[in-house]
Amino acid sequence: MSIRRSPLAILAIGAGLITAVAGAGWCAGLRINLTPSYPRGLWRIETLDRPVAAGDLLFVCPPDTAEFERAFARGYIRRGLCAGGLSPLIKTVVAIAGQQVDVADQVSIEGRPLPNSAVRQMDAAGRPLAPFAGGVIPAGELYLHSDFAGSYDSRYFGPIPSSGVLGLARPVLTFGP
């Protein structure tokens, strides 16, 4: 005796399984990175049980501001579950509260040039980019960076609130540089 299933039932079961697996991964802190700022692939949000420090690679929610809505409109960031419906960023903390950041042709932190921090005047589509003016990072804020030349990071949007930190970003299965 064979049991015959309709294509619609098979499709519904398959969709249910995919949803269950995706939900379990989400609850376990797994995220997929599709941007070139860091290697594409599967990443995990790891609990951060200490203060954020320079050098930490983080998942961080951008603040719900007009600047980040413009970034979404230009395609720099995607929709997600952070405030304002935006996706979390994966970025490295390069300056914390009290540190001096200078932005010219490249970024300097406390007078030391930051490698791979050239500041562009235009994005890949030829639209003007306004760099952050620089200054001392305020209390409760972080200055973020990615070595990827086309990254949308604090070179352009400035420091962001540390309250948006979701945790450390750890690669699980990634591809590319």
N, C-alpha and C. Protein backbone atom coordinates (compact mmCIF):
# COMPACT_ATOMS: atom_id res chain seq x y z
N MET A 1 0.84 -1.17 0.00
CA MET A 1 0.00 0.00 0.00
C MET A 1 0.89 1.24 0.00
N SER A 2 0.67 2.16 -0.91
CA SER A 2 1.47 3.38 -0.98
C SER A 2 0.60 4.59 -0.66
N ILE A 3 1.24 5.52 -0.03
CA ILE A 3 0.53 6.75 0.32
C ILE A 3 0.94 7.80 -0.70
N ARG A 4 -0.03 8.39 -1.32
CA ARG A 4 0.24 9.39 -2.34
C ARG A 4 -0.08 10.78 -1.77
N ARG A 5 0.87 11.67 -1.86
CA ARG A 5 0.67 13.02 -1.34
C ARG A 5 0.50 13.99 -2.51
N SER A 6 -0.33 14.96 -2.32
CA SER A 6 -0.52 15.96 -3.36
C SER A 6 0.67 16.91 -3.38
N PRO A 7 0.97 17.49 -4.54
CA PRO A 7 2.08 18.44 -4.61
C PRO A 7 1.90 19.62 -3.64
N LEU A 8 0.68 20.03 -3.42
CA LEU A 8 0.43 21.13 -2.50
C LEU A 8 0.79 20.74 -1.07
N ALA A 9 0.49 19.51 -0.66
CA ALA A 9 0.83 19.04 0.68
C ALA A 9 2.35 18.95 0.84
N ILE A 10 3.04 18.47 -0.18
CA ILE A 10 4.50 18.37 -0.14
C ILE A 10 5.11 19.78 -0.03
N LEU A 11 4.58 20.71 -0.79
CA LEU A 11 5.06 22.09 -0.74
C LEU A 11 4.84 22.70 0.65
N ALA A 12 3.67 22.45 1.23
CA ALA A 12 3.36 22.98 2.56
C ALA A 12 4.28 22.38 3.62
N ILE A 13 4.55 21.08 3.54
CA ILE A 13 5.46 20.43 4.49
C ILE A 13 6.87 20.99 4.34
N GLY A 14 7.33 21.15 3.09
CA GLY A 14 8.66 21.70 2.84
C GLY A 14 8.79 23.12 3.36
N ALA A 15 7.78 23.95 3.13
CA ALA A 15 7.80 25.33 3.62
C ALA A 15 7.82 25.35 5.15
N GLY A 16 7.07 24.45 5.76
CA GLY A 16 7.05 24.37 7.21
C GLY A 16 8.40 23.98 7.77
N LEU A 17 9.07 23.03 7.13
CA LEU A 17 10.40 22.61 7.58
C LEU A 17 11.41 23.74 7.45
N ILE A 18 11.38 24.43 6.33
CA ILE A 18 12.31 25.55 6.11
C ILE A 18 12.06 26.63 7.16
N THR A 19 10.81 26.93 7.43
CA THR A 19 10.47 27.94 8.43
C THR A 19 10.95 27.51 9.82
N ALA A 20 10.77 26.25 10.14
CA ALA A 20 11.20 25.74 11.46
C ALA A 20 12.72 25.82 11.60
N VAL A 21 13.45 25.42 10.57
CA VAL A 21 14.91 25.46 10.62
C VAL A 21 15.39 26.91 10.71
N ALA A 22 14.80 27.81 9.91
CA ALA A 22 15.19 29.22 9.95
C ALA A 22 14.89 29.82 11.32
N GLY A 23 13.74 29.50 11.88
CA GLY A 23 13.37 30.01 13.20
C GLY A 23 14.31 29.51 14.29
N ALA A 24 14.68 28.24 14.21
CA ALA A 24 15.61 27.68 15.20
C ALA A 24 16.98 28.36 15.08
N GLY A 25 17.43 28.59 13.85
CA GLY A 25 18.70 29.28 13.64
C GLY A 25 18.66 30.70 14.15
N TRP A 26 17.54 31.38 13.91
CA TRP A 26 17.38 32.76 14.39
C TRP A 26 17.47 32.80 15.90
N CYS A 27 16.75 31.90 16.56
CA CYS A 27 16.74 31.84 18.03
C CYS A 27 18.12 31.48 18.58
N ALA A 28 18.91 30.74 17.80
CA ALA A 28 20.26 30.36 18.23
C ALA A 28 21.28 31.45 17.92
N GLY A 29 20.81 32.60 17.39
CA GLY A 29 21.71 33.72 17.11
C GLY A 29 22.39 33.64 15.76
N LEU A 30 21.92 32.79 14.87
CA LEU A 30 22.53 32.68 13.55
C LEU A 30 21.96 33.73 12.61
N ARG A 31 22.84 34.32 11.81
CA ARG A 31 22.44 35.32 10.83
C ARG A 31 23.21 35.07 9.54
N ILE A 32 22.62 35.48 8.43
CA ILE A 32 23.29 35.37 7.13
C ILE A 32 23.76 36.75 6.71
N ASN A 33 25.04 36.86 6.38
CA ASN A 33 25.60 38.11 5.87
C ASN A 33 25.69 38.01 4.36
N LEU A 34 25.05 38.95 3.66
CA LEU A 34 25.10 39.00 2.20
C LEU A 34 25.85 40.21 1.69
N THR A 35 26.46 40.99 2.60
CA THR A 35 27.18 42.20 2.20
C THR A 35 28.68 41.91 2.07
N PRO A 36 29.40 42.72 1.29
CA PRO A 36 30.84 42.48 1.11
C PRO A 36 31.72 43.07 2.21
N SER A 37 31.15 43.74 3.21
CA SER A 37 31.98 44.35 4.26
C SER A 37 32.77 43.32 5.05
N TYR A 38 32.19 42.14 5.21
CA TYR A 38 32.86 40.99 5.85
C TYR A 38 32.48 39.77 5.04
N PRO A 39 33.18 38.65 5.19
CA PRO A 39 32.88 37.48 4.35
C PRO A 39 31.40 37.10 4.39
N ARG A 40 30.88 36.80 3.21
CA ARG A 40 29.48 36.39 3.11
C ARG A 40 29.31 34.99 3.69
N GLY A 41 28.13 34.75 4.25
CA GLY A 41 27.84 33.42 4.78
C GLY A 41 27.12 33.47 6.10
N LEU A 42 27.26 32.41 6.85
CA LEU A 42 26.55 32.23 8.10
C LEU A 42 27.41 32.72 9.28
N TRP A 43 26.81 33.57 10.11
CA TRP A 43 27.47 34.15 11.28
C TRP A 43 26.61 33.88 12.52
N ARG A 44 27.23 33.98 13.67
CA ARG A 44 26.53 33.78 14.94
C ARG A 44 26.72 35.02 15.82
N ILE A 45 25.66 35.42 16.51
CA ILE A 45 25.76 36.48 17.50
C ILE A 45 26.12 35.82 18.82
N GLU A 46 27.27 36.19 19.37
CA GLU A 46 27.75 35.64 20.63
C GLU A 46 27.56 36.67 21.74
N THR A 47 27.07 36.25 22.86
CA THR A 47 26.84 37.15 23.99
C THR A 47 28.13 37.86 24.38
N LEU A 48 27.99 39.15 24.62
CA LEU A 48 29.12 39.97 25.08
C LEU A 48 28.88 40.27 26.55
N ASP A 49 29.69 39.66 27.42
CA ASP A 49 29.48 39.80 28.87
C ASP A 49 30.53 40.70 29.52
N ARG A 50 30.97 41.68 28.77
CA ARG A 50 31.95 42.67 29.24
C ARG A 50 31.72 43.94 28.44
N PRO A 51 32.32 45.05 28.83
CA PRO A 51 32.17 46.27 28.03
C PRO A 51 32.78 46.11 26.64
N VAL A 52 32.20 46.78 25.68
CA VAL A 52 32.72 46.77 24.31
C VAL A 52 34.12 47.39 24.32
N ALA A 53 35.02 46.81 23.52
CA ALA A 53 36.39 47.32 23.43
C ALA A 53 36.78 47.52 21.97
N ALA A 54 37.72 48.42 21.73
CA ALA A 54 38.26 48.59 20.38
C ALA A 54 38.80 47.24 19.91
N GLY A 55 38.52 46.90 18.69
CA GLY A 55 38.94 45.63 18.12
C GLY A 55 37.83 44.59 18.10
N ASP A 56 36.74 44.81 18.85
CA ASP A 56 35.62 43.86 18.85
C ASP A 56 34.90 43.90 17.51
N LEU A 57 34.61 42.74 16.97
CA LEU A 57 33.79 42.60 15.77
C LEU A 57 32.38 42.32 16.26
N LEU A 58 31.44 43.22 15.93
CA LEU A 58 30.11 43.19 16.51
C LEU A 58 28.98 43.09 15.49
N PHE A 59 27.85 42.58 15.97
CA PHE A 59 26.57 42.82 15.33
C PHE A 59 25.98 43.99 16.09
N VAL A 60 25.55 45.02 15.38
CA VAL A 60 25.00 46.20 16.03
C VAL A 60 23.84 46.73 15.20
N CYS A 61 22.76 47.08 15.88
CA CYS A 61 21.61 47.69 15.21
C CYS A 61 21.88 49.17 14.99
N PRO A 62 21.66 49.65 13.77
CA PRO A 62 21.79 51.08 13.55
C PRO A 62 20.65 51.82 14.22
N PRO A 63 20.88 53.07 14.63
CA PRO A 63 19.78 53.83 15.23
C PRO A 63 18.72 54.16 14.19
N ASP A 64 17.51 54.38 14.65
CA ASP A 64 16.38 54.72 13.79
C ASP A 64 16.43 56.21 13.50
N THR A 65 17.24 56.59 12.49
CA THR A 65 17.44 57.99 12.14
C THR A 65 17.23 58.21 10.65
N ALA A 66 17.10 59.47 10.27
CA ALA A 66 16.95 59.82 8.85
C ALA A 66 18.19 59.39 8.06
N GLU A 67 19.37 59.48 8.68
CA GLU A 67 20.61 59.07 8.00
C GLU A 67 20.56 57.61 7.58
N PHE A 68 20.06 56.75 8.44
CA PHE A 68 20.00 55.33 8.10
C PHE A 68 18.84 55.02 7.16
N GLU A 69 17.80 55.81 7.18
CA GLU A 69 16.74 55.64 6.17
C GLU A 69 17.28 56.00 4.79
N ARG A 70 18.10 57.05 4.71
CA ARG A 70 18.76 57.40 3.44
C ARG A 70 19.68 56.26 3.00
N ALA A 71 20.40 55.69 3.97
CA ALA A 71 21.30 54.57 3.65
C ALA A 71 20.50 53.40 3.08
N PHE A 72 19.34 53.13 3.65
CA PHE A 72 18.48 52.06 3.13
C PHE A 72 18.01 52.42 1.72
N ALA A 73 17.56 53.65 1.53
CA ALA A 73 17.07 54.08 0.21
C ALA A 73 18.16 53.96 -0.86
N ARG A 74 19.40 54.16 -0.48
CA ARG A 74 20.51 54.04 -1.42
C ARG A 74 21.00 52.60 -1.58
N GLY A 75 20.48 51.69 -0.78
CA GLY A 75 20.88 50.29 -0.90
C GLY A 75 22.10 49.90 -0.10
N TYR A 76 22.54 50.76 0.83
CA TYR A 76 23.71 50.44 1.64
C TYR A 76 23.40 49.41 2.71
N ILE A 77 22.18 49.41 3.22
CA ILE A 77 21.75 48.46 4.23
C ILE A 77 20.39 47.89 3.84
N ARG A 78 20.03 46.77 4.46
CA ARG A 78 18.79 46.07 4.12
C ARG A 78 17.78 46.19 5.26
N ARG A 79 16.59 45.71 4.97
CA ARG A 79 15.54 45.63 5.99
C ARG A 79 15.85 44.49 6.95
N GLY A 80 15.42 44.64 8.19
CA GLY A 80 15.65 43.61 9.19
C GLY A 80 14.82 43.88 10.43
N LEU A 81 15.22 43.31 11.55
CA LEU A 81 14.43 43.38 12.77
C LEU A 81 14.91 44.41 13.79
N CYS A 82 15.84 45.29 13.40
CA CYS A 82 16.28 46.36 14.30
C CYS A 82 15.26 47.49 14.28
N ALA A 83 15.43 48.46 15.17
CA ALA A 83 14.56 49.64 15.20
C ALA A 83 14.52 50.27 13.81
N GLY A 84 13.35 50.72 13.44
CA GLY A 84 13.20 51.32 12.11
C GLY A 84 13.12 50.28 11.01
N GLY A 85 13.11 48.99 11.38
CA GLY A 85 13.00 47.93 10.38
C GLY A 85 14.27 47.69 9.59
N LEU A 86 15.42 48.06 10.15
CA LEU A 86 16.69 47.88 9.44
C LEU A 86 17.43 46.64 9.94
N SER A 87 18.34 46.16 9.12
CA SER A 87 19.14 44.98 9.44
C SER A 87 20.35 45.37 10.28
N PRO A 88 20.80 44.49 11.18
CA PRO A 88 22.01 44.80 11.94
C PRO A 88 23.24 44.87 11.03
N LEU A 89 24.21 45.62 11.47
CA LEU A 89 25.49 45.76 10.78
C LEU A 89 26.50 44.82 11.42
N ILE A 90 27.47 44.36 10.64
CA ILE A 90 28.65 43.69 11.18
C ILE A 90 29.80 44.67 10.97
N LYS A 91 30.37 45.14 12.06
CA LYS A 91 31.45 46.13 11.99
C LYS A 91 32.43 45.91 13.13
N THR A 92 33.64 46.42 12.94
CA THR A 92 34.68 46.39 13.97
C THR A 92 34.69 47.72 14.70
N VAL A 93 34.76 47.67 16.02
CA VAL A 93 34.89 48.88 16.83
C VAL A 93 36.33 49.35 16.73
N VAL A 94 36.53 50.60 16.29
CA VAL A 94 37.89 51.13 16.19
C VAL A 94 38.12 52.30 17.14
N ALA A 95 37.05 52.85 17.70
CA ALA A 95 37.20 53.92 18.70
C ALA A 95 35.99 53.87 19.64
N ILE A 96 36.27 54.15 20.90
CA ILE A 96 35.23 54.15 21.93
C ILE A 96 35.15 55.54 22.57
N ALA A 97 34.23 55.70 23.50
CA ALA A 97 34.01 56.99 24.15
C ALA A 97 35.32 57.60 24.66
N GLY A 98 35.47 58.89 24.37
CA GLY A 98 36.64 59.63 24.84
C GLY A 98 37.79 59.66 23.85
N GLN A 99 37.75 58.84 22.82
CA GLN A 99 38.85 58.83 21.86
C GLN A 99 38.60 59.86 20.75
N GLN A 100 39.70 60.45 20.28
CA GLN A 100 39.66 61.45 19.21
C GLN A 100 39.72 60.76 17.85
N VAL A 101 38.76 61.09 16.99
CA VAL A 101 38.74 60.57 15.62
C VAL A 101 38.85 61.76 14.68
N ASP A 102 39.81 61.71 13.77
CA ASP A 102 39.97 62.74 12.75
C ASP A 102 39.71 62.10 11.40
N VAL A 103 38.91 62.80 10.59
CA VAL A 103 38.54 62.28 9.27
C VAL A 103 38.97 63.30 8.22
N ALA A 104 39.85 62.88 7.34
CA ALA A 104 40.30 63.70 6.21
C ALA A 104 40.27 62.78 4.98
N ASP A 105 41.42 62.60 4.32
CA ASP A 105 41.48 61.63 3.21
C ASP A 105 41.38 60.21 3.74
N GLN A 106 41.78 60.03 5.00
CA GLN A 106 41.63 58.76 5.70
C GLN A 106 41.33 59.08 7.16
N VAL A 107 41.04 58.05 7.93
CA VAL A 107 40.68 58.21 9.34
C VAL A 107 41.92 58.03 10.21
N SER A 108 42.01 58.85 11.25
CA SER A 108 43.04 58.69 12.28
C SER A 108 42.36 58.59 13.62
N ILE A 109 42.83 57.67 14.45
CA ILE A 109 42.33 57.50 15.81
C ILE A 109 43.46 57.88 16.76
N GLU A 110 43.21 58.88 17.60
CA GLU A 110 44.24 59.35 18.53
C GLU A 110 45.55 59.66 17.80
N GLY A 111 45.44 60.24 16.60
CA GLY A 111 46.61 60.64 15.83
C GLY A 111 47.25 59.53 15.02
N ARG A 112 46.78 58.29 15.14
CA ARG A 112 47.35 57.17 14.38
C ARG A 112 46.45 56.83 13.20
N PRO A 113 47.02 56.81 11.99
CA PRO A 113 46.20 56.48 10.81
C PRO A 113 45.59 55.07 10.94
N LEU A 114 44.33 54.97 10.57
CA LEU A 114 43.62 53.69 10.59
C LEU A 114 43.82 53.03 9.22
N PRO A 115 44.42 51.83 9.18
CA PRO A 115 44.61 51.16 7.89
C PRO A 115 43.29 50.94 7.15
N ASN A 116 43.35 50.99 5.85
CA ASN A 116 42.19 50.72 4.98
C ASN A 116 41.01 51.63 5.30
N SER A 117 41.30 52.91 5.52
CA SER A 117 40.22 53.83 5.91
C SER A 117 40.10 55.03 4.98
N ALA A 118 40.50 54.87 3.71
CA ALA A 118 40.35 55.97 2.77
C ALA A 118 38.89 56.42 2.74
N VAL A 119 38.70 57.72 2.69
CA VAL A 119 37.35 58.29 2.68
C VAL A 119 37.00 58.64 1.24
N ARG A 120 35.90 58.11 0.77
CA ARG A 120 35.44 58.36 -0.60
C ARG A 120 34.52 59.57 -0.65
N GLN A 121 34.58 60.25 -1.76
CA GLN A 121 33.69 61.40 -1.96
C GLN A 121 32.39 61.01 -2.66
N MET A 122 32.42 59.85 -3.35
CA MET A 122 31.25 59.35 -4.08
C MET A 122 31.08 57.87 -3.80
N ASP A 123 29.82 57.40 -3.84
CA ASP A 123 29.59 55.97 -3.72
C ASP A 123 29.74 55.30 -5.08
N ALA A 124 29.53 54.02 -5.17
CA ALA A 124 29.73 53.27 -6.41
C ALA A 124 28.78 53.73 -7.52
N ALA A 125 27.66 54.34 -7.15
CA ALA A 125 26.70 54.84 -8.14
C ALA A 125 26.96 56.29 -8.52
N GLY A 126 28.05 56.89 -8.00
CA GLY A 126 28.39 58.27 -8.32
C GLY A 126 27.66 59.31 -7.49
N ARG A 127 26.99 58.88 -6.44
CA ARG A 127 26.29 59.81 -5.56
C ARG A 127 27.25 60.34 -4.50
N PRO A 128 27.13 61.62 -4.14
CA PRO A 128 28.07 62.19 -3.15
C PRO A 128 27.90 61.55 -1.76
N LEU A 129 29.04 61.38 -1.09
CA LEU A 129 29.07 60.90 0.29
C LEU A 129 29.60 62.03 1.16
N ALA A 130 28.94 62.26 2.28
CA ALA A 130 29.39 63.28 3.22
C ALA A 130 30.10 62.58 4.37
N PRO A 131 31.41 62.79 4.52
CA PRO A 131 32.12 62.14 5.63
C PRO A 131 31.75 62.76 6.97
N PHE A 132 31.90 61.94 8.01
CA PHE A 132 31.75 62.40 9.39
C PHE A 132 32.80 63.47 9.65
N ALA A 133 32.44 64.49 10.39
CA ALA A 133 33.34 65.61 10.65
C ALA A 133 34.49 65.28 11.58
N GLY A 134 34.36 64.20 12.36
CA GLY A 134 35.39 63.86 13.33
C GLY A 134 35.09 64.50 14.67
N GLY A 135 35.92 64.16 15.65
CA GLY A 135 35.77 64.71 16.99
C GLY A 135 35.96 63.63 18.04
N VAL A 136 35.69 63.98 19.27
CA VAL A 136 35.79 63.04 20.38
C VAL A 136 34.52 62.21 20.42
N ILE A 137 34.68 60.90 20.54
CA ILE A 137 33.52 60.00 20.58
C ILE A 137 32.81 60.21 21.92
N PRO A 138 31.50 60.54 21.86
CA PRO A 138 30.75 60.79 23.09
C PRO A 138 30.55 59.53 23.92
N ALA A 139 30.28 59.71 25.20
CA ALA A 139 29.97 58.59 26.10
C ALA A 139 28.78 57.82 25.54
N GLY A 140 28.86 56.50 25.62
CA GLY A 140 27.77 55.65 25.16
C GLY A 140 27.71 55.46 23.66
N GLU A 141 28.77 55.86 22.94
CA GLU A 141 28.79 55.70 21.49
C GLU A 141 30.06 54.99 21.04
N LEU A 142 29.99 54.44 19.82
CA LEU A 142 31.09 53.66 19.23
C LEU A 142 31.36 54.15 17.81
N TYR A 143 32.62 54.11 17.41
CA TYR A 143 33.01 54.41 16.05
C TYR A 143 33.36 53.09 15.38
N LEU A 144 32.67 52.78 14.28
CA LEU A 144 32.76 51.46 13.63
C LEU A 144 33.43 51.54 12.28
N HIS A 145 34.07 50.44 11.89
CA HIS A 145 34.83 50.42 10.63
C HIS A 145 34.83 49.02 10.03
N SER A 146 35.01 48.98 8.72
CA SER A 146 35.27 47.74 7.98
C SER A 146 36.42 48.02 7.03
N ASP A 147 37.30 47.05 6.85
CA ASP A 147 38.42 47.23 5.92
C ASP A 147 37.99 47.27 4.46
N PHE A 148 36.76 46.85 4.16
CA PHE A 148 36.26 46.87 2.79
C PHE A 148 36.14 48.32 2.33
N ALA A 149 36.79 48.66 1.20
CA ALA A 149 36.86 50.05 0.74
C ALA A 149 35.49 50.68 0.55
N GLY A 150 34.50 49.91 0.10
CA GLY A 150 33.18 50.46 -0.16
C GLY A 150 32.22 50.35 1.00
N SER A 151 32.74 50.05 2.19
CA SER A 151 31.87 49.86 3.35
C SER A 151 31.19 51.16 3.76
N TYR A 152 29.93 51.03 4.15
CA TYR A 152 29.20 52.14 4.75
C TYR A 152 29.38 51.99 6.25
N ASP A 153 30.24 52.82 6.82
CA ASP A 153 30.57 52.71 8.24
C ASP A 153 30.69 54.10 8.85
N SER A 154 31.29 54.20 10.01
CA SER A 154 31.34 55.48 10.73
C SER A 154 32.13 56.56 9.99
N ARG A 155 32.87 56.21 8.95
CA ARG A 155 33.50 57.24 8.13
C ARG A 155 32.43 58.20 7.60
N TYR A 156 31.23 57.69 7.40
CA TYR A 156 30.14 58.46 6.81
C TYR A 156 29.01 58.76 7.79
N PHE A 157 28.63 57.81 8.64
CA PHE A 157 27.51 58.06 9.54
C PHE A 157 27.93 58.48 10.94
N GLY A 158 29.24 58.47 11.23
CA GLY A 158 29.72 58.90 12.54
C GLY A 158 29.51 57.84 13.61
N PRO A 159 29.72 58.19 14.86
CA PRO A 159 29.54 57.22 15.95
C PRO A 159 28.07 56.88 16.13
N ILE A 160 27.81 55.67 16.64
CA ILE A 160 26.43 55.26 16.90
C ILE A 160 26.31 54.76 18.34
N PRO A 161 25.09 54.74 18.87
CA PRO A 161 24.91 54.33 20.27
C PRO A 161 25.32 52.88 20.53
N SER A 162 26.04 52.69 21.62
CA SER A 162 26.44 51.34 22.00
C SER A 162 25.25 50.51 22.47
N SER A 163 24.13 51.16 22.74
CA SER A 163 22.92 50.44 23.15
C SER A 163 22.40 49.53 22.04
N GLY A 164 22.85 49.73 20.80
CA GLY A 164 22.43 48.89 19.68
C GLY A 164 23.22 47.60 19.54
N VAL A 165 24.25 47.40 20.38
CA VAL A 165 25.09 46.21 20.27
C VAL A 165 24.26 44.96 20.59
N LEU A 166 24.27 44.01 19.66
CA LEU A 166 23.59 42.73 19.86
C LEU A 166 24.53 41.68 20.43
N GLY A 167 25.82 41.80 20.11
CA GLY A 167 26.82 40.85 20.59
C GLY A 167 27.98 40.77 19.63
N LEU A 168 28.92 39.91 19.96
CA LEU A 168 30.09 39.69 19.10
C LEU A 168 29.65 38.95 17.84
N ALA A 169 30.30 39.25 16.73
CA ALA A 169 30.02 38.58 15.46
C ALA A 169 31.07 37.49 15.25
N ARG A 170 30.60 36.26 15.12
CA ARG A 170 31.51 35.13 14.92
C ARG A 170 31.14 34.38 13.65
N PRO A 171 32.09 34.23 12.72
CA PRO A 171 31.79 33.48 11.51
C PRO A 171 31.56 31.99 11.81
N VAL A 172 30.59 31.40 11.15
CA VAL A 172 30.30 29.97 11.29
C VAL A 172 30.69 29.26 10.00
N LEU A 173 30.18 29.73 8.89
CA LEU A 173 30.48 29.16 7.57
C LEU A 173 30.46 30.31 6.58
N THR A 174 31.64 30.82 6.23
CA THR A 174 31.72 31.99 5.37
C THR A 174 32.52 31.71 4.12
N PHE A 175 32.33 32.59 3.12
CA PHE A 175 32.98 32.44 1.82
C PHE A 175 33.57 33.77 1.40
N GLY A 176 34.74 33.74 0.83
CA GLY A 176 35.35 34.96 0.31
C GLY A 176 36.28 35.59 1.32
N PRO A 177 36.80 36.76 0.93
CA PRO A 177 37.78 37.43 1.78
C PRO A 177 37.20 37.97 3.07
